[in-house]
Amino acid sequence: MMYLVRDRYDRVLCCFLFGSAARAIKPRDQVIGWNRKERLANLQKITNNTRFLILPWVKVRHLASHVLSLIVRRIREDWRLKYGHSPSK
């Protein structure tokens, strides 16, 4: 899932990419408390932010947190429309 953020002049300010969660990341699985069976059953419920780029010329205070908050509000539905299932809250 890709999100490009543009300004009012249609210039790209930043890019965010989200993908499927990595199959096995021991520290993540330990924090969540998953065993192998739970991980296999629930892995599709999480996403991985694979790219987070704010272009070097962009100087907008709080842009990253603002855009991330907007993405959090819509990624579940966007993901469901594209892949047929939604990540968990």
PDB file of N, CA and C in Angstrom:
ATOM      1  N   MET A   1       0.854  -1.148   0.000  1.00  0.00           N
ATOM      2  CA  MET A   1       0.000   0.000   0.000  1.00  0.00           C
ATOM      3  C   MET A   1       0.912   1.226   0.000  1.00  0.00           C
ATOM      4  N   MET A   2       0.687   2.118  -0.944  1.00  0.00           N
ATOM      5  CA  MET A   2       1.533   3.300  -1.057  1.00  0.00           C
ATOM      6  C   MET A   2       0.696   4.558  -0.880  1.00  0.00           C
ATOM      7  N   TYR A   3       1.261   5.486  -0.133  1.00  0.00           N
ATOM      8  CA  TYR A   3       0.646   6.799   0.038  1.00  0.00           C
ATOM      9  C   TYR A   3       1.665   7.858  -0.355  1.00  0.00           C
ATOM     10  N   LEU A   4       1.298   8.695  -1.303  1.00  0.00           N
ATOM     11  CA  LEU A   4       2.106   9.849  -1.674  1.00  0.00           C
ATOM     12  C   LEU A   4       1.389  11.080  -1.164  1.00  0.00           C
ATOM     13  N   VAL A   5       2.123  11.948  -0.524  1.00  0.00           N
ATOM     14  CA  VAL A   5       1.543  13.185  -0.010  1.00  0.00           C
ATOM     15  C   VAL A   5       2.055  14.330  -0.878  1.00  0.00           C
ATOM     16  N   ARG A   6       1.131  15.099  -1.380  1.00  0.00           N
ATOM     17  CA  ARG A   6       1.479  16.217  -2.269  1.00  0.00           C
ATOM     18  C   ARG A   6       1.010  17.533  -1.662  1.00  0.00           C
ATOM     19  N   ASP A   7       1.667  18.599  -2.054  1.00  0.00           N
ATOM     20  CA  ASP A   7       1.236  19.922  -1.611  1.00  0.00           C
ATOM     21  C   ASP A   7       0.216  20.488  -2.603  1.00  0.00           C
ATOM     22  N   ARG A   8      -0.226  21.697  -2.365  1.00  0.00           N
ATOM     23  CA  ARG A   8      -1.261  22.285  -3.220  1.00  0.00           C
ATOM     24  C   ARG A   8      -0.766  22.562  -4.637  1.00  0.00           C
ATOM     25  N   TYR A   9       0.533  22.493  -4.854  1.00  0.00           N
ATOM     26  CA  TYR A   9       1.106  22.666  -6.191  1.00  0.00           C
ATOM     27  C   TYR A   9       1.406  21.325  -6.855  1.00  0.00           C
ATOM     28  N   ASP A  10       0.920  20.247  -6.250  1.00  0.00           N
ATOM     29  CA  ASP A  10       1.071  18.876  -6.732  1.00  0.00           C
ATOM     30  C   ASP A  10       2.510  18.355  -6.643  1.00  0.00           C
ATOM     31  N   ARG A  11       3.336  18.971  -5.805  1.00  0.00           N
ATOM     32  CA  ARG A  11       4.691  18.468  -5.581  1.00  0.00           C
ATOM     33  C   ARG A  11       4.642  17.399  -4.497  1.00  0.00           C
ATOM     34  N   VAL A  12       5.379  16.310  -4.725  1.00  0.00           N
ATOM     35  CA  VAL A  12       5.420  15.236  -3.728  1.00  0.00           C
ATOM     36  C   VAL A  12       6.224  15.715  -2.520  1.00  0.00           C
ATOM     37  N   LEU A  13       5.640  15.560  -1.339  1.00  0.00           N
ATOM     38  CA  LEU A  13       6.303  15.924  -0.084  1.00  0.00           C
ATOM     39  C   LEU A  13       6.896  14.706   0.607  1.00  0.00           C
ATOM     40  N   CYS A  14       6.124  13.624   0.602  1.00  0.00           N
ATOM     41  CA  CYS A  14       6.588  12.427   1.285  1.00  0.00           C
ATOM     42  C   CYS A  14       5.901  11.186   0.727  1.00  0.00           C
ATOM     43  N   CYS A  15       6.486  10.050   1.073  1.00  0.00           N
ATOM     44  CA  CYS A  15       6.001   8.768   0.590  1.00  0.00           C
ATOM     45  C   CYS A  15       6.001   7.780   1.757  1.00  0.00           C
ATOM     46  N   PHE A  16       4.946   7.013   1.846  1.00  0.00           N
ATOM     47  CA  PHE A  16       4.836   5.974   2.857  1.00  0.00           C
ATOM     48  C   PHE A  16       4.439   4.684   2.160  1.00  0.00           C
ATOM     49  N   LEU A  17       5.128   3.598   2.445  1.00  0.00           N
ATOM     50  CA  LEU A  17       4.790   2.289   1.902  1.00  0.00           C
ATOM     51  C   LEU A  17       4.536   1.325   3.048  1.00  0.00           C
ATOM     52  N   PHE A  18       3.497   0.551   2.911  1.00  0.00           N
ATOM     53  CA  PHE A  18       3.157  -0.468   3.896  1.00  0.00           C
ATOM     54  C   PHE A  18       3.039  -1.796   3.172  1.00  0.00           C
ATOM     55  N   GLY A  19       3.521  -2.841   3.793  1.00  0.00           N
ATOM     56  CA  GLY A  19       3.456  -4.167   3.195  1.00  0.00           C
ATOM     57  C   GLY A  19       3.075  -5.205   4.230  1.00  0.00           C
ATOM     58  N   SER A  20       3.089  -6.428   3.794  1.00  0.00           N
ATOM     59  CA  SER A  20       2.790  -7.530   4.710  1.00  0.00           C
ATOM     60  C   SER A  20       3.838  -7.576   5.807  1.00  0.00           C
ATOM     61  N   ALA A  21       3.420  -8.024   6.943  1.00  0.00           N
ATOM     62  CA  ALA A  21       4.341  -8.152   8.070  1.00  0.00           C
ATOM     63  C   ALA A  21       5.372  -9.230   7.774  1.00  0.00           C
ATOM     64  N   ALA A  22       6.558  -9.034   8.281  1.00  0.00           N
ATOM     65  CA  ALA A  22       7.610 -10.044   8.140  1.00  0.00           C
ATOM     66  C   ALA A  22       7.146 -11.344   8.791  1.00  0.00           C
ATOM     67  N   ARG A  23       7.486 -12.429   8.177  1.00  0.00           N
ATOM     68  CA  ARG A  23       7.010 -13.734   8.633  1.00  0.00           C
ATOM     69  C   ARG A  23       7.402 -14.055  10.069  1.00  0.00           C
ATOM     70  N   ALA A  24       8.633 -13.802  10.431  1.00  0.00           N
ATOM     71  CA  ALA A  24       9.075 -14.127  11.787  1.00  0.00           C
ATOM     72  C   ALA A  24      10.103 -13.107  12.252  1.00  0.00           C
ATOM     73  N   ILE A  25       9.722 -12.374  13.268  1.00  0.00           N
ATOM     74  CA  ILE A  25      10.639 -11.446  13.936  1.00  0.00           C
ATOM     75  C   ILE A  25      10.521 -11.752  15.427  1.00  0.00           C
ATOM     76  N   LYS A  26      11.525 -12.409  15.932  1.00  0.00           N
ATOM     77  CA  LYS A  26      11.469 -12.911  17.312  1.00  0.00           C
ATOM     78  C   LYS A  26      11.127 -11.824  18.338  1.00  0.00           C
ATOM     79  N   PRO A  27      11.783 -10.634  18.318  1.00  0.00           N
ATOM     80  CA  PRO A  27      11.429  -9.622  19.322  1.00  0.00           C
ATOM     81  C   PRO A  27       9.967  -9.168  19.217  1.00  0.00           C
ATOM     82  N   ARG A  28       9.468  -8.988  17.986  1.00  0.00           N
ATOM     83  CA  ARG A  28       8.053  -8.612  17.822  1.00  0.00           C
ATOM     84  C   ARG A  28       7.155  -9.682  18.393  1.00  0.00           C
ATOM     85  N   ASP A  29       7.413 -10.929  18.023  1.00  0.00           N
ATOM     86  CA  ASP A  29       6.569 -12.025  18.478  1.00  0.00           C
ATOM     87  C   ASP A  29       6.606 -12.168  19.997  1.00  0.00           C
ATOM     88  N   GLN A  30       7.767 -11.914  20.604  1.00  0.00           N
ATOM     89  CA  GLN A  30       7.867 -11.975  22.058  1.00  0.00           C
ATOM     90  C   GLN A  30       7.061 -10.856  22.717  1.00  0.00           C
ATOM     91  N   VAL A  31       7.148  -9.639  22.173  1.00  0.00           N
ATOM     92  CA  VAL A  31       6.389  -8.513  22.741  1.00  0.00           C
ATOM     93  C   VAL A  31       4.893  -8.771  22.635  1.00  0.00           C
ATOM     94  N   ILE A  32       4.453  -9.266  21.474  1.00  0.00           N
ATOM     95  CA  ILE A  32       3.036  -9.555  21.284  1.00  0.00           C
ATOM     96  C   ILE A  32       2.623 -10.754  22.129  1.00  0.00           C
ATOM     97  N   GLY A  33       3.560 -11.670  22.340  1.00  0.00           N
ATOM     98  CA  GLY A  33       3.257 -12.861  23.130  1.00  0.00           C
ATOM     99  C   GLY A  33       2.781 -14.033  22.281  1.00  0.00           C
ATOM    100  N   TRP A  34       3.108 -14.004  20.989  1.00  0.00           N
ATOM    101  CA  TRP A  34       2.683 -15.064  20.089  1.00  0.00           C
ATOM    102  C   TRP A  34       3.578 -16.288  20.190  1.00  0.00           C
ATOM    103  N   ASN A  35       2.945 -17.450  20.161  1.00  0.00           N
ATOM    104  CA  ASN A  35       3.699 -18.670  19.903  1.00  0.00           C
ATOM    105  C   ASN A  35       3.623 -18.918  18.390  1.00  0.00           C
ATOM    106  N   ARG A  36       4.227 -19.981  17.903  1.00  0.00           N
ATOM    107  CA  ARG A  36       4.274 -20.219  16.456  1.00  0.00           C
ATOM    108  C   ARG A  36       2.872 -20.315  15.841  1.00  0.00           C
ATOM    109  N   LYS A  37       1.998 -21.063  16.500  1.00  0.00           N
ATOM    110  CA  LYS A  37       0.644 -21.259  15.986  1.00  0.00           C
ATOM    111  C   LYS A  37      -0.126 -19.926  15.936  1.00  0.00           C
ATOM    112  N   GLU A  38      -0.013 -19.125  16.990  1.00  0.00           N
ATOM    113  CA  GLU A  38      -0.707 -17.827  17.019  1.00  0.00           C
ATOM    114  C   GLU A  38      -0.155 -16.887  15.954  1.00  0.00           C
ATOM    115  N   ARG A  39       1.158 -16.908  15.766  1.00  0.00           N
ATOM    116  CA  ARG A  39       1.764 -16.048  14.743  1.00  0.00           C
ATOM    117  C   ARG A  39       1.225 -16.391  13.363  1.00  0.00           C
ATOM    118  N   LEU A  40       1.181 -17.666  13.034  1.00  0.00           N
ATOM    119  CA  LEU A  40       0.680 -18.083  11.725  1.00  0.00           C
ATOM    120  C   LEU A  40      -0.786 -17.712  11.532  1.00  0.00           C
ATOM    121  N   ALA A  41      -1.558 -17.769  12.599  1.00  0.00           N
ATOM    122  CA  ALA A  41      -2.983 -17.443  12.512  1.00  0.00           C
ATOM    123  C   ALA A  41      -3.241 -15.943  12.432  1.00  0.00           C
ATOM    124  N   ASN A  42      -2.344 -15.137  12.987  1.00  0.00           N
ATOM    125  CA  ASN A  42      -2.614 -13.696  13.113  1.00  0.00           C
ATOM    126  C   ASN A  42      -1.718 -12.786  12.293  1.00  0.00           C
ATOM    127  N   LEU A  43      -0.761 -13.319  11.603  1.00  0.00           N
ATOM    128  CA  LEU A  43       0.207 -12.491  10.883  1.00  0.00           C
ATOM    129  C   LEU A  43      -0.457 -11.565   9.871  1.00  0.00           C
ATOM    130  N   GLN A  44      -1.524 -12.007   9.236  1.00  0.00           N
ATOM    131  CA  GLN A  44      -2.194 -11.165   8.245  1.00  0.00           C
ATOM    132  C   GLN A  44      -2.912  -9.966   8.870  1.00  0.00           C
ATOM    133  N   LYS A  45      -2.979  -9.924  10.183  1.00  0.00           N
ATOM    134  CA  LYS A  45      -3.674  -8.829  10.857  1.00  0.00           C
ATOM    135  C   LYS A  45      -2.776  -7.629  11.150  1.00  0.00           C
ATOM    136  N   ILE A  46      -1.491  -7.722  10.795  1.00  0.00           N
ATOM    137  CA  ILE A  46      -0.596  -6.598  11.023  1.00  0.00           C
ATOM    138  C   ILE A  46       0.100  -6.216   9.716  1.00  0.00           C
ATOM    139  N   THR A  47       0.549  -4.973   9.660  1.00  0.00           N
ATOM    140  CA  THR A  47       1.266  -4.493   8.483  1.00  0.00           C
ATOM    141  C   THR A  47       2.658  -4.031   8.900  1.00  0.00           C
ATOM    142  N   ASN A  48       3.480  -3.801   7.900  1.00  0.00           N
ATOM    143  CA  ASN A  48       4.834  -3.353   8.136  1.00  0.00           C
ATOM    144  C   ASN A  48       5.053  -2.064   7.348  1.00  0.00           C
ATOM    145  N   ASN A  49       5.481  -1.012   8.024  1.00  0.00           N
ATOM    146  CA  ASN A  49       5.812   0.237   7.343  1.00  0.00           C
ATOM    147  C   ASN A  49       7.202   0.053   6.743  1.00  0.00           C
ATOM    148  N   THR A  50       7.245  -0.204   5.424  1.00  0.00           N
ATOM    149  CA  THR A  50       8.508  -0.534   4.778  1.00  0.00           C
ATOM    150  C   THR A  50       9.285   0.682   4.301  1.00  0.00           C
ATOM    151  N   ARG A  51       8.605   1.782   4.037  1.00  0.00           N
ATOM    152  CA  ARG A  51       9.272   3.017   3.615  1.00  0.00           C
ATOM    153  C   ARG A  51       8.584   4.212   4.244  1.00  0.00           C
ATOM    154  N   PHE A  52       9.393   5.154   4.674  1.00  0.00           N
ATOM    155  CA  PHE A  52       8.905   6.390   5.287  1.00  0.00           C
ATOM    156  C   PHE A  52       9.892   7.458   4.846  1.00  0.00           C
ATOM    157  N   LEU A  53       9.531   8.215   3.835  1.00  0.00           N
ATOM    158  CA  LEU A  53      10.455   9.179   3.268  1.00  0.00           C
ATOM    159  C   LEU A  53       9.823  10.553   3.204  1.00  0.00           C
ATOM    160  N   ILE A  54      10.452  11.504   3.841  1.00  0.00           N
ATOM    161  CA  ILE A  54      10.108  12.910   3.660  1.00  0.00           C
ATOM    162  C   ILE A  54      11.255  13.499   2.859  1.00  0.00           C
ATOM    163  N   LEU A  55      10.933  14.048   1.715  1.00  0.00           N
ATOM    164  CA  LEU A  55      11.979  14.551   0.828  1.00  0.00           C
ATOM    165  C   LEU A  55      12.799  15.636   1.516  1.00  0.00           C
ATOM    166  N   PRO A  56      14.086  15.686   1.217  1.00  0.00           N
ATOM    167  CA  PRO A  56      15.008  16.579   1.937  1.00  0.00           C
ATOM    168  C   PRO A  56      14.651  18.062   1.869  1.00  0.00           C
ATOM    169  N   TRP A  57      14.011  18.498   0.814  1.00  0.00           N
ATOM    170  CA  TRP A  57      13.679  19.921   0.680  1.00  0.00           C
ATOM    171  C   TRP A  57      12.439  20.321   1.470  1.00  0.00           C
ATOM    172  N   VAL A  58      11.714  19.356   2.000  1.00  0.00           N
ATOM    173  CA  VAL A  58      10.460  19.630   2.714  1.00  0.00           C
ATOM    174  C   VAL A  58      10.756  20.058   4.143  1.00  0.00           C
ATOM    175  N   LYS A  59      10.247  21.215   4.526  1.00  0.00           N
ATOM    176  CA  LYS A  59      10.431  21.748   5.882  1.00  0.00           C
ATOM    177  C   LYS A  59       9.057  22.124   6.447  1.00  0.00           C
ATOM    178  N   VAL A  60       8.310  21.108   6.823  1.00  0.00           N
ATOM    179  CA  VAL A  60       6.968  21.306   7.372  1.00  0.00           C
ATOM    180  C   VAL A  60       6.960  20.693   8.766  1.00  0.00           C
ATOM    181  N   ARG A  61       6.772  21.528   9.756  1.00  0.00           N
ATOM    182  CA  ARG A  61       6.757  21.033  11.137  1.00  0.00           C
ATOM    183  C   ARG A  61       5.629  20.038  11.350  1.00  0.00           C
ATOM    184  N   HIS A  62       5.947  18.965  12.027  1.00  0.00           N
ATOM    185  CA  HIS A  62       4.978  17.933  12.417  1.00  0.00           C
ATOM    186  C   HIS A  62       4.336  17.210  11.232  1.00  0.00           C
ATOM    187  N   LEU A  63       4.941  17.305  10.061  1.00  0.00           N
ATOM    188  CA  LEU A  63       4.367  16.651   8.883  1.00  0.00           C
ATOM    189  C   LEU A  63       4.260  15.139   9.077  1.00  0.00           C
ATOM    190  N   ALA A  64       5.301  14.525   9.565  1.00  0.00           N
ATOM    191  CA  ALA A  64       5.303  13.063   9.721  1.00  0.00           C
ATOM    192  C   ALA A  64       4.179  12.596  10.635  1.00  0.00           C
ATOM    193  N   SER A  65       4.044  13.180  11.801  1.00  0.00           N
ATOM    194  CA  SER A  65       3.008  12.725  12.727  1.00  0.00           C
ATOM    195  C   SER A  65       1.612  13.035  12.188  1.00  0.00           C
ATOM    196  N   HIS A  66       1.478  14.151  11.503  1.00  0.00           N
ATOM    197  CA  HIS A  66       0.176  14.504  10.921  1.00  0.00           C
ATOM    198  C   HIS A  66      -0.226  13.485   9.850  1.00  0.00           C
ATOM    199  N   VAL A  67       0.690  13.187   8.943  1.00  0.00           N
ATOM    200  CA  VAL A  67       0.378  12.250   7.861  1.00  0.00           C
ATOM    201  C   VAL A  67       0.157  10.847   8.411  1.00  0.00           C
ATOM    202  N   LEU A  68       0.970  10.423   9.348  1.00  0.00           N
ATOM    203  CA  LEU A  68       0.765   9.096   9.938  1.00  0.00           C
ATOM    204  C   LEU A  68      -0.602   8.980  10.605  1.00  0.00           C
ATOM    205  N   SER A  69      -1.050  10.044  11.258  1.00  0.00           N
ATOM    206  CA  SER A  69      -2.373   9.999  11.895  1.00  0.00           C
ATOM    207  C   SER A  69      -3.475   9.883  10.839  1.00  0.00           C
ATOM    208  N   LEU A  70      -3.295  10.526   9.688  1.00  0.00           N
ATOM    209  CA  LEU A  70      -4.273  10.398   8.599  1.00  0.00           C
ATOM    210  C   LEU A  70      -4.265   8.977   8.022  1.00  0.00           C
ATOM    211  N   ILE A  71      -3.087   8.411   7.865  1.00  0.00           N
ATOM    212  CA  ILE A  71      -2.978   7.056   7.325  1.00  0.00           C
ATOM    213  C   ILE A  71      -3.618   6.047   8.272  1.00  0.00           C
ATOM    214  N   VAL A  72      -3.389   6.212   9.571  1.00  0.00           N
ATOM    215  CA  VAL A  72      -3.968   5.289  10.552  1.00  0.00           C
ATOM    216  C   VAL A  72      -5.491   5.259  10.424  1.00  0.00           C
ATOM    217  N   ARG A  73      -6.090   6.388  10.108  1.00  0.00           N
ATOM    218  CA  ARG A  73      -7.548   6.460   9.981  1.00  0.00           C
ATOM    219  C   ARG A  73      -8.079   5.756   8.742  1.00  0.00           C
ATOM    220  N   ARG A  74      -7.248   5.571   7.721  1.00  0.00           N
ATOM    221  CA  ARG A  74      -7.776   5.015   6.484  1.00  0.00           C
ATOM    222  C   ARG A  74      -7.149   3.711   6.012  1.00  0.00           C
ATOM    223  N   ILE A  75      -6.030   3.296   6.572  1.00  0.00           N
ATOM    224  CA  ILE A  75      -5.339   2.125   6.016  1.00  0.00           C
ATOM    225  C   ILE A  75      -6.148   0.842   6.150  1.00  0.00           C
ATOM    226  N   ARG A  76      -6.905   0.691   7.197  1.00  0.00           N
ATOM    227  CA  ARG A  76      -7.685  -0.542   7.360  1.00  0.00           C
ATOM    228  C   ARG A  76      -8.642  -0.744   6.190  1.00  0.00           C
ATOM    229  N   GLU A  77      -9.356   0.316   5.818  1.00  0.00           N
ATOM    230  CA  GLU A  77     -10.307   0.213   4.711  1.00  0.00           C
ATOM    231  C   GLU A  77      -9.580   0.084   3.370  1.00  0.00           C
ATOM    232  N   ASP A  78      -8.518   0.846   3.161  1.00  0.00           N
ATOM    233  CA  ASP A  78      -7.744   0.739   1.923  1.00  0.00           C
ATOM    234  C   ASP A  78      -7.199  -0.673   1.758  1.00  0.00           C
ATOM    235  N   TRP A  79      -6.680  -1.236   2.848  1.00  0.00           N
ATOM    236  CA  TRP A  79      -6.119  -2.579   2.828  1.00  0.00           C
ATOM    237  C   TRP A  79      -7.205  -3.607   2.514  1.00  0.00           C
ATOM    238  N   ARG A  80      -8.367  -3.428   3.139  1.00  0.00           N
ATOM    239  CA  ARG A  80      -9.482  -4.356   2.905  1.00  0.00           C
ATOM    240  C   ARG A  80      -9.914  -4.324   1.440  1.00  0.00           C
ATOM    241  N   LEU A  81     -10.001  -3.134   0.858  1.00  0.00           N
ATOM    242  CA  LEU A  81     -10.407  -3.023  -0.540  1.00  0.00           C
ATOM    243  C   LEU A  81      -9.385  -3.663  -1.479  1.00  0.00           C
ATOM    244  N   LYS A  82      -8.117  -3.543  -1.162  1.00  0.00           N
ATOM    245  CA  LYS A  82      -7.069  -4.080  -2.036  1.00  0.00           C
ATOM    246  C   LYS A  82      -6.820  -5.572  -1.825  1.00  0.00           C
ATOM    247  N   TYR A  83      -6.821  -6.031  -0.564  1.00  0.00           N
ATOM    248  CA  TYR A  83      -6.411  -7.397  -0.256  1.00  0.00           C
ATOM    249  C   TYR A  83      -7.529  -8.297   0.273  1.00  0.00           C
ATOM    250  N   GLY A  84      -8.688  -7.734   0.545  1.00  0.00           N
ATOM    251  CA  GLY A  84      -9.808  -8.552   0.995  1.00  0.00           C
ATOM    252  C   GLY A  84      -9.873  -8.838   2.478  1.00  0.00           C
ATOM    253  N   HIS A  85      -8.976  -8.277   3.247  1.00  0.00           N
ATOM    254  CA  HIS A  85      -9.017  -8.408   4.709  1.00  0.00           C
ATOM    255  C   HIS A  85      -8.365  -7.151   5.302  1.00  0.00           C
ATOM    256  N   SER A  86      -8.706  -6.883   6.555  1.00  0.00           N
ATOM    257  CA  SER A  86      -8.186  -5.673   7.203  1.00  0.00           C
ATOM    258  C   SER A  86      -7.220  -6.015   8.310  1.00  0.00           C
ATOM    259  N   PRO A  87      -6.194  -5.169   8.490  1.00  0.00           N
ATOM    260  CA  PRO A  87      -5.343  -5.323   9.673  1.00  0.00           C
ATOM    261  C   PRO A  87      -6.157  -5.007  10.929  1.00  0.00           C
ATOM    262  N   SER A  88      -5.742  -5.546  12.050  1.00  0.00           N
ATOM    263  CA  SER A  88      -6.428  -5.268  13.322  1.00  0.00           C
ATOM    264  C   SER A  88      -6.087  -3.875  13.802  1.00  0.00           C
ATOM    265  N   LYS A  89      -6.893  -3.396  14.724  1.00  0.00           N
ATOM    266  CA  LYS A  89      -6.626  -2.097  15.341  1.00  0.00           C
ATOM    267  C   LYS A  89      -5.471  -2.210  16.283  1.00  0.00           C
TER     268      LYS A  89
END
